[in-house]
Amino acid sequence: MHFRTKAISYNLVFLILFLPNIIIGQNYTLIGDRAFGTLGGETYPLLSKVNNRIIIGGNTPYTGINGDRTEISCSTNPSDFDVWILMLDESLNIAWDKTIGGLMRDEIHGLEFISIDTIVLTGETFSDSSCDIRAISRGGSDLWFTMLDSSGNKLLVNRYGSSNGDKGGRLVRSSNKDYLIFGGSGGGISGDKTTPGYGGMDFWLVKTDSIGNKLWDQTYGGVSNESTIFQNDYFVQECSNSTLILGGRTMSFQSGTITASGYGLWDAWITKTDNLGNQLWDKMYGGNGTDAFCIVSNYQMVLSFLVLQALNLEVLFPIPDVI
């Protein structure tokens, strides 16, 4: 699989990919596209844009320098992945690319231009302190946070984890310029995690300051598993009044912080919290099979609709009480 970006106009492409008020079925004119890749299979591409510059990123396997990649991986295990970042100009030419990771598997789940000169990426890492991963493992996989300058040079690298594996890492910059990193955790109170687990894999929210120092963390979930496997079926969003909306897929029924009733194998679950992550309410959506959210949002992840996928049907509805 290769990364592919298609430009209709450099404003319109972001409307098509990210805005909820696009008119489906309207005709657009394609003015260019380009694939980016290596001899391996790149996965889970992400994209962010500021002015006339585009940053894309995804996961790339160890295949050495080939294709569009100009840096080697830290890992030499073909089954491991590193993070691959490419800076593009407005004509989709590559200005530079960077391969980021440690000796084991590393993945990207969040990517944002926070200013014209600064890029932040988040994800999960199985690597201990090695190469670009500069902090020791807390146990299993951890969440990680990396800040780059506009030339791809690393400004700082942080990681957050418990003793039993932490995954995902969606990224939102809050209104006070701090960061919200939303993922999953299978651990109890240990490492950087100060809140207990409820069973299986739970949702885990970490708030950091503007340079990635942890301020607080909260855990949400029930006695079974909550999922952060796929980038587009879990999310966190700050509302205009600094409250938070977050959610994803769950197998749990009423237990832990889940007060809503479940319907099937996997259900779609959302919760609203105050600005410190304390839960205010939660809601469950689903049928008797497997259900998940598909996020429809603008470039800044301002979430206004969800797609409920159940029994091969899709129902589009606004999230209640977002603002």
C-alpha atoms as a PDB file:
ATOM      1  CA  MET A   1       0.000   0.000   0.000  1.00  0.00           C
ATOM      2  CA  HIS A   2       1.286   3.468  -0.852  1.00  0.00           C
ATOM      3  CA  PHE A   3       0.355   6.858   0.564  1.00  0.00           C
ATOM      4  CA  ARG A   4      -1.698   8.733  -2.000  1.00  0.00           C
ATOM      5  CA  THR A   5      -2.829  12.334  -1.925  1.00  0.00           C
ATOM      6  CA  LYS A   6      -5.212  13.829  -4.459  1.00  0.00           C
ATOM      7  CA  ALA A   7      -5.447  17.581  -4.847  1.00  0.00           C
ATOM      8  CA  ILE A   8      -8.563  19.247  -6.295  1.00  0.00           C
ATOM      9  CA  SER A   9      -7.462  22.578  -5.032  1.00  0.00           C
ATOM     10  CA  TYR A  10      -5.346  22.832  -1.951  1.00  0.00           C
ATOM     11  CA  ASN A  11      -8.270  24.178   0.001  1.00  0.00           C
ATOM     12  CA  LEU A  12     -10.897  21.889  -1.497  1.00  0.00           C
ATOM     13  CA  VAL A  13      -8.977  18.679  -0.819  1.00  0.00           C
ATOM     14  CA  PHE A  14      -9.259  19.409   2.896  1.00  0.00           C
ATOM     15  CA  LEU A  15     -12.937  20.104   2.526  1.00  0.00           C
ATOM     16  CA  ILE A  16     -13.470  16.735   0.898  1.00  0.00           C
ATOM     17  CA  LEU A  17     -11.399  14.827   3.424  1.00  0.00           C
ATOM     18  CA  PHE A  18     -12.366  16.549   6.619  1.00  0.00           C
ATOM     19  CA  LEU A  19     -15.424  18.821   6.571  1.00  0.00           C
ATOM     20  CA  PRO A  20     -18.849  17.453   7.517  1.00  0.00           C
ATOM     21  CA  ASN A  21     -20.836  19.835   5.291  1.00  0.00           C
ATOM     22  CA  ILE A  22     -19.590  18.556   1.929  1.00  0.00           C
ATOM     23  CA  ILE A  23     -22.380  17.864  -0.563  1.00  0.00           C
ATOM     24  CA  ILE A  24     -22.081  14.200  -1.470  1.00  0.00           C
ATOM     25  CA  GLY A  25     -22.363  13.611  -5.202  1.00  0.00           C
ATOM     26  CA  GLN A  26     -21.186  17.074  -6.256  1.00  0.00           C
ATOM     27  CA  ASN A  27     -18.705  16.992  -9.157  1.00  0.00           C
ATOM     28  CA  TYR A  28     -15.107  18.112  -8.598  1.00  0.00           C
ATOM     29  CA  THR A  29     -12.175  18.358 -10.990  1.00  0.00           C
ATOM     30  CA  LEU A  30      -9.011  16.442 -10.155  1.00  0.00           C
ATOM     31  CA  ILE A  31      -5.931  18.566 -10.877  1.00  0.00           C
ATOM     32  CA  GLY A  32      -3.239  16.206  -9.622  1.00  0.00           C
ATOM     33  CA  ASP A  33      -2.339  13.226  -7.517  1.00  0.00           C
ATOM     34  CA  ARG A  34       0.794  11.446  -6.417  1.00  0.00           C
ATOM     35  CA  ALA A  35       1.694   8.212  -4.629  1.00  0.00           C
ATOM     36  CA  PHE A  36       4.440   8.016  -2.030  1.00  0.00           C
ATOM     37  CA  GLY A  37       5.970   4.734  -0.916  1.00  0.00           C
ATOM     38  CA  THR A  38       8.753   2.169  -0.666  1.00  0.00           C
ATOM     39  CA  LEU A  39       9.177  -1.470  -1.637  1.00  0.00           C
ATOM     40  CA  GLY A  40       7.283  -2.400   1.526  1.00  0.00           C
ATOM     41  CA  GLY A  41       3.680  -1.681   2.459  1.00  0.00           C
ATOM     42  CA  GLU A  42       2.995   1.696   4.065  1.00  0.00           C
ATOM     43  CA  THR A  43      -0.075   1.846   6.311  1.00  0.00           C
ATOM     44  CA  TYR A  44      -2.392   4.283   8.110  1.00  0.00           C
ATOM     45  CA  PRO A  45      -1.544   7.582   6.362  1.00  0.00           C
ATOM     46  CA  LEU A  46      -2.258  10.874   8.155  1.00  0.00           C
ATOM     47  CA  LEU A  47      -2.157  14.402   6.740  1.00  0.00           C
ATOM     48  CA  SER A  48      -1.952  17.964   8.044  1.00  0.00           C
ATOM     49  CA  LYS A  49      -1.557  21.298   6.245  1.00  0.00           C
ATOM     50  CA  VAL A  50      -0.475  24.838   7.034  1.00  0.00           C
ATOM     51  CA  ASN A  51      -0.302  27.583   4.405  1.00  0.00           C
ATOM     52  CA  ASN A  52       1.170  25.972   1.260  1.00  0.00           C
ATOM     53  CA  ARG A  53       2.924  23.103   3.042  1.00  0.00           C
ATOM     54  CA  ILE A  54       1.580  19.596   3.589  1.00  0.00           C
ATOM     55  CA  ILE A  55       2.883  17.026   6.042  1.00  0.00           C
ATOM     56  CA  ILE A  56       1.950  13.362   5.630  1.00  0.00           C
ATOM     57  CA  GLY A  57       2.913  10.454   7.792  1.00  0.00           C
ATOM     58  CA  GLY A  58       2.311   6.772   8.243  1.00  0.00           C
ATOM     59  CA  ASN A  59       3.921   3.484   9.195  1.00  0.00           C
ATOM     60  CA  THR A  60       6.647   1.958   7.048  1.00  0.00           C
ATOM     61  CA  PRO A  61       8.331  -1.462   7.308  1.00  0.00           C
ATOM     62  CA  TYR A  62      12.057  -2.074   7.306  1.00  0.00           C
ATOM     63  CA  THR A  63      13.119  -2.179   3.657  1.00  0.00           C
ATOM     64  CA  GLY A  64      16.175   0.067   3.654  1.00  0.00           C
ATOM     65  CA  ILE A  65      16.529   3.212   1.543  1.00  0.00           C
ATOM     66  CA  ASN A  66      14.336   2.845  -1.543  1.00  0.00           C
ATOM     67  CA  GLY A  67      11.417   4.447  -3.327  1.00  0.00           C
ATOM     68  CA  ASP A  68      10.725   7.856  -1.781  1.00  0.00           C
ATOM     69  CA  ARG A  69      12.419   7.068   1.542  1.00  0.00           C
ATOM     70  CA  THR A  70      15.909   8.511   2.039  1.00  0.00           C
ATOM     71  CA  GLU A  71      16.623   7.349   5.610  1.00  0.00           C
ATOM     72  CA  ILE A  72      17.128   3.852   6.980  1.00  0.00           C
ATOM     73  CA  SER A  73      15.040   2.388   9.789  1.00  0.00           C
ATOM     74  CA  CYS A  74      16.460   1.914  13.250  1.00  0.00           C
ATOM     75  CA  SER A  75      14.929  -1.568  13.385  1.00  0.00           C
ATOM     76  CA  THR A  76      16.329  -4.298  11.149  1.00  0.00           C
ATOM     77  CA  ASN A  77      13.397  -6.681  11.717  1.00  0.00           C
ATOM     78  CA  PRO A  78      11.193  -6.853   8.588  1.00  0.00           C
ATOM     79  CA  SER A  79       8.099  -7.413  10.744  1.00  0.00           C
ATOM     80  CA  ASP A  80       8.578  -4.137  12.655  1.00  0.00           C
ATOM     81  CA  PHE A  81       7.411  -0.699  11.537  1.00  0.00           C
ATOM     82  CA  ASP A  82       8.822   2.793  11.966  1.00  0.00           C
ATOM     83  CA  VAL A  83       7.069   6.114  11.469  1.00  0.00           C
ATOM     84  CA  TRP A  84       7.682   7.853   8.144  1.00  0.00           C
ATOM     85  CA  ILE A  85       7.099  11.615   7.773  1.00  0.00           C
ATOM     86  CA  LEU A  86       7.163  13.551   4.462  1.00  0.00           C
ATOM     87  CA  MET A  87       7.017  17.315   3.957  1.00  0.00           C
ATOM     88  CA  LEU A  88       5.465  18.356   0.630  1.00  0.00           C
ATOM     89  CA  ASP A  89       5.260  21.668  -1.179  1.00  0.00           C
ATOM     90  CA  GLU A  90       2.059  22.897  -2.847  1.00  0.00           C
ATOM     91  CA  SER A  91       2.941  20.961  -6.029  1.00  0.00           C
ATOM     92  CA  LEU A  92       3.216  17.708  -4.011  1.00  0.00           C
ATOM     93  CA  ASN A  93       6.993  17.578  -4.394  1.00  0.00           C
ATOM     94  CA  ILE A  94       8.882  16.085  -1.434  1.00  0.00           C
ATOM     95  CA  ALA A  95      10.879  18.719   0.472  1.00  0.00           C
ATOM     96  CA  TRP A  96      12.223  16.167   2.965  1.00  0.00           C
ATOM     97  CA  ASP A  97      11.378  12.870   4.611  1.00  0.00           C
ATOM     98  CA  LYS A  98      12.242  11.450   8.018  1.00  0.00           C
ATOM     99  CA  THR A  99      12.110   7.904   9.385  1.00  0.00           C
ATOM    100  CA  ILE A 100      11.468   7.925  13.139  1.00  0.00           C
ATOM    101  CA  GLY A 101      11.538   5.015  15.580  1.00  0.00           C
ATOM    102  CA  GLY A 102      13.440   2.655  17.809  1.00  0.00           C
ATOM    103  CA  LEU A 103      14.644  -0.932  17.619  1.00  0.00           C
ATOM    104  CA  MET A 104      11.120  -2.388  17.745  1.00  0.00           C
ATOM    105  CA  ARG A 105       7.678  -1.583  16.328  1.00  0.00           C
ATOM    106  CA  ASP A 106       6.552   2.054  16.331  1.00  0.00           C
ATOM    107  CA  GLU A 107       3.279   3.470  14.974  1.00  0.00           C
ATOM    108  CA  ILE A 108       1.767   6.893  14.320  1.00  0.00           C
ATOM    109  CA  HIS A 109      -1.801   7.767  15.348  1.00  0.00           C
ATOM    110  CA  GLY A 110      -1.765  11.582  15.448  1.00  0.00           C
ATOM    111  CA  LEU A 111      -0.104  14.257  13.273  1.00  0.00           C
ATOM    112  CA  GLU A 112      -0.604  18.041  13.418  1.00  0.00           C
ATOM    113  CA  PHE A 113       1.039  21.267  12.288  1.00  0.00           C
ATOM    114  CA  ILE A 114       0.718  23.379  15.447  1.00  0.00           C
ATOM    115  CA  SER A 115       2.431  26.344  13.813  1.00  0.00           C
ATOM    116  CA  ILE A 116       4.238  27.053  10.568  1.00  0.00           C
ATOM    117  CA  ASP A 117       7.477  25.993  12.291  1.00  0.00           C
ATOM    118  CA  THR A 118       6.380  23.100  14.537  1.00  0.00           C
ATOM    119  CA  ILE A 119       4.959  19.612  13.927  1.00  0.00           C
ATOM    120  CA  VAL A 120       3.680  17.236  16.629  1.00  0.00           C
ATOM    121  CA  LEU A 121       3.113  13.521  16.154  1.00  0.00           C
ATOM    122  CA  THR A 122       1.818  10.898  18.582  1.00  0.00           C
ATOM    123  CA  GLY A 123       1.431   7.143  18.510  1.00  0.00           C
ATOM    124  CA  GLU A 124       2.549   3.977  20.232  1.00  0.00           C
ATOM    125  CA  THR A 125       5.969   2.390  20.608  1.00  0.00           C
ATOM    126  CA  PHE A 126       7.203  -1.066  21.600  1.00  0.00           C
ATOM    127  CA  SER A 127      10.813   0.171  21.559  1.00  0.00           C
ATOM    128  CA  ASP A 128      12.905   0.625  24.680  1.00  0.00           C
ATOM    129  CA  SER A 129      15.296   3.582  24.755  1.00  0.00           C
ATOM    130  CA  SER A 130      16.970   3.387  21.324  1.00  0.00           C
ATOM    131  CA  CYS A 131      17.544   5.605  18.276  1.00  0.00           C
ATOM    132  CA  ASP A 132      14.731   8.212  18.273  1.00  0.00           C
ATOM    133  CA  ILE A 133      12.921   6.744  21.303  1.00  0.00           C
ATOM    134  CA  ARG A 134      14.843   8.306  24.160  1.00  0.00           C
ATOM    135  CA  ALA A 135      12.929   7.192  27.267  1.00  0.00           C
ATOM    136  CA  ILE A 136      12.841   3.694  28.755  1.00  0.00           C
ATOM    137  CA  SER A 137       9.806   1.462  28.324  1.00  0.00           C
ATOM    138  CA  ARG A 138       7.194   1.451  31.084  1.00  0.00           C
ATOM    139  CA  GLY A 139       6.164  -2.080  30.051  1.00  0.00           C
ATOM    140  CA  GLY A 140       4.972  -3.519  26.741  1.00  0.00           C
ATOM    141  CA  SER A 141       3.966  -0.719  24.383  1.00  0.00           C
ATOM    142  CA  ASP A 142       3.663   2.943  25.467  1.00  0.00           C
ATOM    143  CA  LEU A 143       2.154   6.136  24.095  1.00  0.00           C
ATOM    144  CA  TRP A 144       4.750   8.510  22.662  1.00  0.00           C
ATOM    145  CA  PHE A 145       4.926  12.204  21.747  1.00  0.00           C
ATOM    146  CA  THR A 146       7.421  13.783  19.338  1.00  0.00           C
ATOM    147  CA  MET A 147       7.849  17.423  18.337  1.00  0.00           C
ATOM    148  CA  LEU A 148       9.692  18.365  15.121  1.00  0.00           C
ATOM    149  CA  ASP A 149      10.730  21.672  13.604  1.00  0.00           C
ATOM    150  CA  SER A 150       9.784  22.587  10.039  1.00  0.00           C
ATOM    151  CA  SER A 151      12.904  20.818   8.724  1.00  0.00           C
ATOM    152  CA  GLY A 152      12.057  17.561  10.499  1.00  0.00           C
ATOM    153  CA  ASN A 153      14.622  17.920  13.277  1.00  0.00           C
ATOM    154  CA  LYS A 154      13.472  16.443  16.585  1.00  0.00           C
ATOM    155  CA  LEU A 155      12.887  19.049  19.288  1.00  0.00           C
ATOM    156  CA  LEU A 156      11.706  16.670  21.998  1.00  0.00           C
ATOM    157  CA  VAL A 157      10.479  13.097  22.523  1.00  0.00           C
ATOM    158  CA  ASN A 158       8.332  11.947  25.468  1.00  0.00           C
ATOM    159  CA  ARG A 159       6.568   8.696  26.292  1.00  0.00           C
ATOM    160  CA  TYR A 160       3.773   7.742  28.670  1.00  0.00           C
ATOM    161  CA  GLY A 161       2.811   4.270  29.807  1.00  0.00           C
ATOM    162  CA  SER A 162       1.819   1.741  32.411  1.00  0.00           C
ATOM    163  CA  SER A 163       3.287  -1.660  33.218  1.00  0.00           C
ATOM    164  CA  ASN A 164       0.953  -3.606  30.926  1.00  0.00           C
ATOM    165  CA  GLY A 165       0.809  -2.119  27.459  1.00  0.00           C
ATOM    166  CA  ASP A 166      -0.663   1.141  26.123  1.00  0.00           C
ATOM    167  CA  LYS A 167      -1.840   1.725  22.576  1.00  0.00           C
ATOM    168  CA  GLY A 168      -3.128   4.314  20.118  1.00  0.00           C
ATOM    169  CA  GLY A 169      -2.442   7.990  20.664  1.00  0.00           C
ATOM    170  CA  ARG A 170      -4.923  10.362  18.966  1.00  0.00           C
ATOM    171  CA  LEU A 171      -3.818  13.985  19.318  1.00  0.00           C
ATOM    172  CA  VAL A 172      -5.750  17.209  19.938  1.00  0.00           C
ATOM    173  CA  ARG A 173      -4.262  20.584  20.860  1.00  0.00           C
ATOM    174  CA  SER A 174      -6.407  22.251  23.519  1.00  0.00           C
ATOM    175  CA  SER A 175      -7.503  25.895  23.591  1.00  0.00           C
ATOM    176  CA  ASN A 176      -4.794  26.726  26.154  1.00  0.00           C
ATOM    177  CA  LYS A 177      -2.085  25.241  23.874  1.00  0.00           C
ATOM    178  CA  ASP A 178      -1.708  22.047  25.914  1.00  0.00           C
ATOM    179  CA  TYR A 179      -2.171  18.580  24.361  1.00  0.00           C
ATOM    180  CA  LEU A 180      -4.705  15.799  24.775  1.00  0.00           C
ATOM    181  CA  ILE A 181      -3.383  12.338  23.886  1.00  0.00           C
ATOM    182  CA  PHE A 182      -6.097   9.691  23.755  1.00  0.00           C
ATOM    183  CA  GLY A 183      -5.346   6.001  23.539  1.00  0.00           C
ATOM    184  CA  GLY A 184      -5.820   2.727  25.342  1.00  0.00           C
ATOM    185  CA  SER A 185      -4.224   1.093  28.363  1.00  0.00           C
ATOM    186  CA  GLY A 186      -4.219  -2.434  29.706  1.00  0.00           C
ATOM    187  CA  GLY A 187      -2.462  -1.443  32.932  1.00  0.00           C
ATOM    188  CA  GLY A 188      -3.440  -0.399  36.424  1.00  0.00           C
ATOM    189  CA  ILE A 189      -1.791   2.330  38.469  1.00  0.00           C
ATOM    190  CA  SER A 190       1.865   2.111  37.411  1.00  0.00           C
ATOM    191  CA  GLY A 191       4.429   4.059  35.439  1.00  0.00           C
ATOM    192  CA  ASP A 192       2.796   7.295  34.294  1.00  0.00           C
ATOM    193  CA  LYS A 193      -0.742   5.989  34.906  1.00  0.00           C
ATOM    194  CA  THR A 194      -2.329   7.293  38.114  1.00  0.00           C
ATOM    195  CA  THR A 195      -5.884   5.999  37.601  1.00  0.00           C
ATOM    196  CA  PRO A 196      -6.966   2.349  37.930  1.00  0.00           C
ATOM    197  CA  GLY A 197      -8.023   0.083  35.080  1.00  0.00           C
ATOM    198  CA  TYR A 198     -11.465  -1.521  34.867  1.00  0.00           C
ATOM    199  CA  GLY A 199     -10.724  -4.692  32.879  1.00  0.00           C
ATOM    200  CA  GLY A 200      -9.148  -5.654  29.578  1.00  0.00           C
ATOM    201  CA  MET A 201      -8.029  -2.675  27.492  1.00  0.00           C
ATOM    202  CA  ASP A 202      -9.487   0.659  28.685  1.00  0.00           C
ATOM    203  CA  PHE A 203      -9.506   4.119  27.115  1.00  0.00           C
ATOM    204  CA  TRP A 204      -6.732   6.296  28.568  1.00  0.00           C
ATOM    205  CA  LEU A 205      -6.575  10.106  28.258  1.00  0.00           C
ATOM    206  CA  VAL A 206      -3.333  11.987  28.986  1.00  0.00           C
ATOM    207  CA  LYS A 207      -3.147  15.788  29.263  1.00  0.00           C
ATOM    208  CA  THR A 208       0.279  17.395  28.787  1.00  0.00           C
ATOM    209  CA  ASP A 209       1.602  20.933  28.770  1.00  0.00           C
ATOM    210  CA  SER A 210       2.868  22.615  25.599  1.00  0.00           C
ATOM    211  CA  ILE A 211       6.165  20.690  25.665  1.00  0.00           C
ATOM    212  CA  GLY A 212       4.749  17.265  26.468  1.00  0.00           C
ATOM    213  CA  ASN A 213       5.100  17.155  30.273  1.00  0.00           C
ATOM    214  CA  LYS A 214       2.201  15.159  31.721  1.00  0.00           C
ATOM    215  CA  LEU A 215      -0.329  17.177  33.726  1.00  0.00           C
ATOM    216  CA  TRP A 216      -2.980  14.540  34.493  1.00  0.00           C
ATOM    217  CA  ASP A 217      -4.505  11.312  33.193  1.00  0.00           C
ATOM    218  CA  GLN A 218      -7.936   9.649  33.315  1.00  0.00           C
ATOM    219  CA  THR A 219      -9.144   6.130  32.513  1.00  0.00           C
ATOM    220  CA  TYR A 220     -12.537   5.187  31.020  1.00  0.00           C
ATOM    221  CA  GLY A 221     -14.034   1.784  30.334  1.00  0.00           C
ATOM    222  CA  GLY A 222     -15.750  -1.323  31.599  1.00  0.00           C
ATOM    223  CA  VAL A 223     -14.911  -4.902  32.520  1.00  0.00           C
ATOM    224  CA  SER A 224     -14.222  -5.952  28.909  1.00  0.00           C
ATOM    225  CA  ASN A 225     -12.211  -4.317  26.104  1.00  0.00           C
ATOM    226  CA  GLU A 226     -12.319  -0.812  24.638  1.00  0.00           C
ATOM    227  CA  SER A 227     -10.636  -0.498  21.238  1.00  0.00           C
ATOM    228  CA  THR A 228      -8.023   1.930  19.893  1.00  0.00           C
ATOM    229  CA  ILE A 229      -6.841  -0.355  17.086  1.00  0.00           C
ATOM    230  CA  PHE A 230      -8.050   1.679  14.089  1.00  0.00           C
ATOM    231  CA  GLN A 231      -7.241   5.374  13.742  1.00  0.00           C
ATOM    232  CA  ASN A 232     -10.702   6.451  12.618  1.00  0.00           C
ATOM    233  CA  ASP A 233     -12.930   4.685  15.139  1.00  0.00           C
ATOM    234  CA  TYR A 234     -11.850   6.427  18.343  1.00  0.00           C
ATOM    235  CA  PHE A 235     -11.528  10.167  19.006  1.00  0.00           C
ATOM    236  CA  VAL A 236     -11.129  13.014  21.467  1.00  0.00           C
ATOM    237  CA  GLN A 237     -12.380  16.553  20.889  1.00  0.00           C
ATOM    238  CA  GLU A 238     -12.350  19.722  22.973  1.00  0.00           C
ATOM    239  CA  CYS A 239     -15.632  21.661  22.877  1.00  0.00           C
ATOM    240  CA  SER A 240     -15.966  25.447  22.878  1.00  0.00           C
ATOM    241  CA  ASN A 241     -16.541  25.537  26.650  1.00  0.00           C
ATOM    242  CA  SER A 242     -13.391  23.437  27.325  1.00  0.00           C
ATOM    243  CA  THR A 243     -15.361  20.283  28.074  1.00  0.00           C
ATOM    244  CA  LEU A 244     -14.277  17.154  26.208  1.00  0.00           C
ATOM    245  CA  ILE A 245     -16.036  14.591  24.019  1.00  0.00           C
ATOM    246  CA  LEU A 246     -14.307  11.246  23.531  1.00  0.00           C
ATOM    247  CA  GLY A 247     -15.202   7.731  22.587  1.00  0.00           C
ATOM    248  CA  GLY A 248     -14.712   4.666  20.469  1.00  0.00           C
ATOM    249  CA  ARG A 249     -15.677   0.994  20.400  1.00  0.00           C
ATOM    250  CA  THR A 250     -16.416  -1.097  23.479  1.00  0.00           C
ATOM    251  CA  MET A 251     -17.325  -4.694  24.313  1.00  0.00           C
ATOM    252  CA  SER A 252     -18.279  -3.692  27.878  1.00  0.00           C
ATOM    253  CA  PHE A 253     -21.766  -3.450  29.319  1.00  0.00           C
ATOM    254  CA  GLN A 254     -22.603  -1.372  32.410  1.00  0.00           C
ATOM    255  CA  SER A 255     -19.456  -1.415  34.562  1.00  0.00           C
ATOM    256  CA  GLY A 256     -16.563   0.858  35.443  1.00  0.00           C
ATOM    257  CA  THR A 257     -17.279   4.283  33.944  1.00  0.00           C
ATOM    258  CA  ILE A 258     -19.786   2.873  31.426  1.00  0.00           C
ATOM    259  CA  THR A 259     -23.297   3.581  32.694  1.00  0.00           C
ATOM    260  CA  ALA A 260     -25.087   3.113  29.356  1.00  0.00           C
ATOM    261  CA  SER A 261     -26.504  -0.252  28.297  1.00  0.00           C
ATOM    262  CA  GLY A 262     -24.777  -2.208  25.532  1.00  0.00           C
ATOM    263  CA  TYR A 263     -26.479  -3.874  22.585  1.00  0.00           C
ATOM    264  CA  GLY A 264     -24.140  -6.378  20.912  1.00  0.00           C
ATOM    265  CA  LEU A 265     -20.593  -7.650  20.484  1.00  0.00           C
ATOM    266  CA  TRP A 266     -18.998  -4.230  19.909  1.00  0.00           C
ATOM    267  CA  ASP A 267     -20.904  -0.986  20.486  1.00  0.00           C
ATOM    268  CA  ALA A 268     -20.056   2.643  19.790  1.00  0.00           C
ATOM    269  CA  TRP A 269     -19.608   4.591  23.044  1.00  0.00           C
ATOM    270  CA  ILE A 270     -19.089   8.302  23.728  1.00  0.00           C
ATOM    271  CA  THR A 271     -18.622  10.227  26.950  1.00  0.00           C
ATOM    272  CA  LYS A 272     -18.521  13.891  27.860  1.00  0.00           C
ATOM    273  CA  THR A 273     -16.127  15.145  30.541  1.00  0.00           C
ATOM    274  CA  ASP A 274     -15.213  18.416  32.226  1.00  0.00           C
ATOM    275  CA  ASN A 275     -11.903  20.117  31.410  1.00  0.00           C
ATOM    276  CA  LEU A 276     -10.069  17.826  33.862  1.00  0.00           C
ATOM    277  CA  GLY A 277     -11.403  14.663  32.265  1.00  0.00           C
ATOM    278  CA  ASN A 278     -14.023  13.903  34.936  1.00  0.00           C
ATOM    279  CA  GLN A 279     -16.932  12.087  33.288  1.00  0.00           C
ATOM    280  CA  LEU A 280     -20.251  13.962  33.046  1.00  0.00           C
ATOM    281  CA  TRP A 281     -22.323  11.500  30.998  1.00  0.00           C
ATOM    282  CA  ASP A 282     -21.972   8.650  28.535  1.00  0.00           C
ATOM    283  CA  LYS A 283     -24.084   7.175  25.723  1.00  0.00           C
ATOM    284  CA  MET A 284     -24.031   3.890  23.814  1.00  0.00           C
ATOM    285  CA  TYR A 285     -25.090   3.232  20.210  1.00  0.00           C
ATOM    286  CA  GLY A 286     -25.343  -0.081  18.433  1.00  0.00           C
ATOM    287  CA  GLY A 287     -27.223  -3.161  17.329  1.00  0.00           C
ATOM    288  CA  ASN A 288     -26.818  -6.838  18.022  1.00  0.00           C
ATOM    289  CA  GLY A 289     -23.609  -7.168  15.996  1.00  0.00           C
ATOM    290  CA  THR A 290     -20.408  -5.118  15.696  1.00  0.00           C
ATOM    291  CA  ASP A 291     -20.706  -1.317  15.611  1.00  0.00           C
ATOM    292  CA  ALA A 292     -18.109   1.427  15.313  1.00  0.00           C
ATOM    293  CA  PHE A 293     -17.772   5.156  14.778  1.00  0.00           C
ATOM    294  CA  CYS A 294     -16.486   6.550  11.489  1.00  0.00           C
ATOM    295  CA  ILE A 295     -15.399  10.118  12.100  1.00  0.00           C
ATOM    296  CA  VAL A 296     -16.552  12.930   9.821  1.00  0.00           C
ATOM    297  CA  SER A 297     -14.641  16.047  10.806  1.00  0.00           C
ATOM    298  CA  ASN A 298     -12.815  19.124   9.567  1.00  0.00           C
ATOM    299  CA  TYR A 299      -9.053  19.660   9.488  1.00  0.00           C
ATOM    300  CA  GLN A 300      -8.993  20.502  13.215  1.00  0.00           C
ATOM    301  CA  MET A 301     -11.043  17.436  14.134  1.00  0.00           C
ATOM    302  CA  VAL A 302     -14.114  19.510  15.075  1.00  0.00           C
ATOM    303  CA  LEU A 303     -16.450  16.577  15.295  1.00  0.00           C
ATOM    304  CA  SER A 304     -20.085  17.285  14.473  1.00  0.00           C
ATOM    305  CA  PHE A 305     -21.374  13.981  13.111  1.00  0.00           C
ATOM    306  CA  LEU A 306     -20.845  10.292  13.609  1.00  0.00           C
ATOM    307  CA  VAL A 307     -21.618   7.404  11.305  1.00  0.00           C
ATOM    308  CA  LEU A 308     -23.080   4.399  13.099  1.00  0.00           C
ATOM    309  CA  GLN A 309     -22.189   1.181  11.319  1.00  0.00           C
ATOM    310  CA  ALA A 310     -24.542  -1.654  12.255  1.00  0.00           C
ATOM    311  CA  LEU A 311     -25.685  -4.680  10.277  1.00  0.00           C
ATOM    312  CA  ASN A 312     -24.284  -3.108   7.080  1.00  0.00           C
ATOM    313  CA  LEU A 313     -26.426   0.005   7.609  1.00  0.00           C
ATOM    314  CA  GLU A 314     -25.152   3.536   8.208  1.00  0.00           C
ATOM    315  CA  VAL A 315     -27.080   6.146  10.198  1.00  0.00           C
ATOM    316  CA  LEU A 316     -25.785   9.723  10.239  1.00  0.00           C
ATOM    317  CA  PHE A 317     -26.642  11.800  13.319  1.00  0.00           C
ATOM    318  CA  PRO A 318     -25.216  14.742  15.295  1.00  0.00           C
ATOM    319  CA  ILE A 319     -23.417  14.090  18.566  1.00  0.00           C
ATOM    320  CA  PRO A 320     -25.683  15.334  21.398  1.00  0.00           C
ATOM    321  CA  ASP A 321     -24.470  18.180  23.607  1.00  0.00           C
ATOM    322  CA  VAL A 322     -21.173  18.713  21.824  1.00  0.00           C
ATOM    323  CA  ILE A 323     -21.185  22.393  22.698  1.00  0.00           C
END
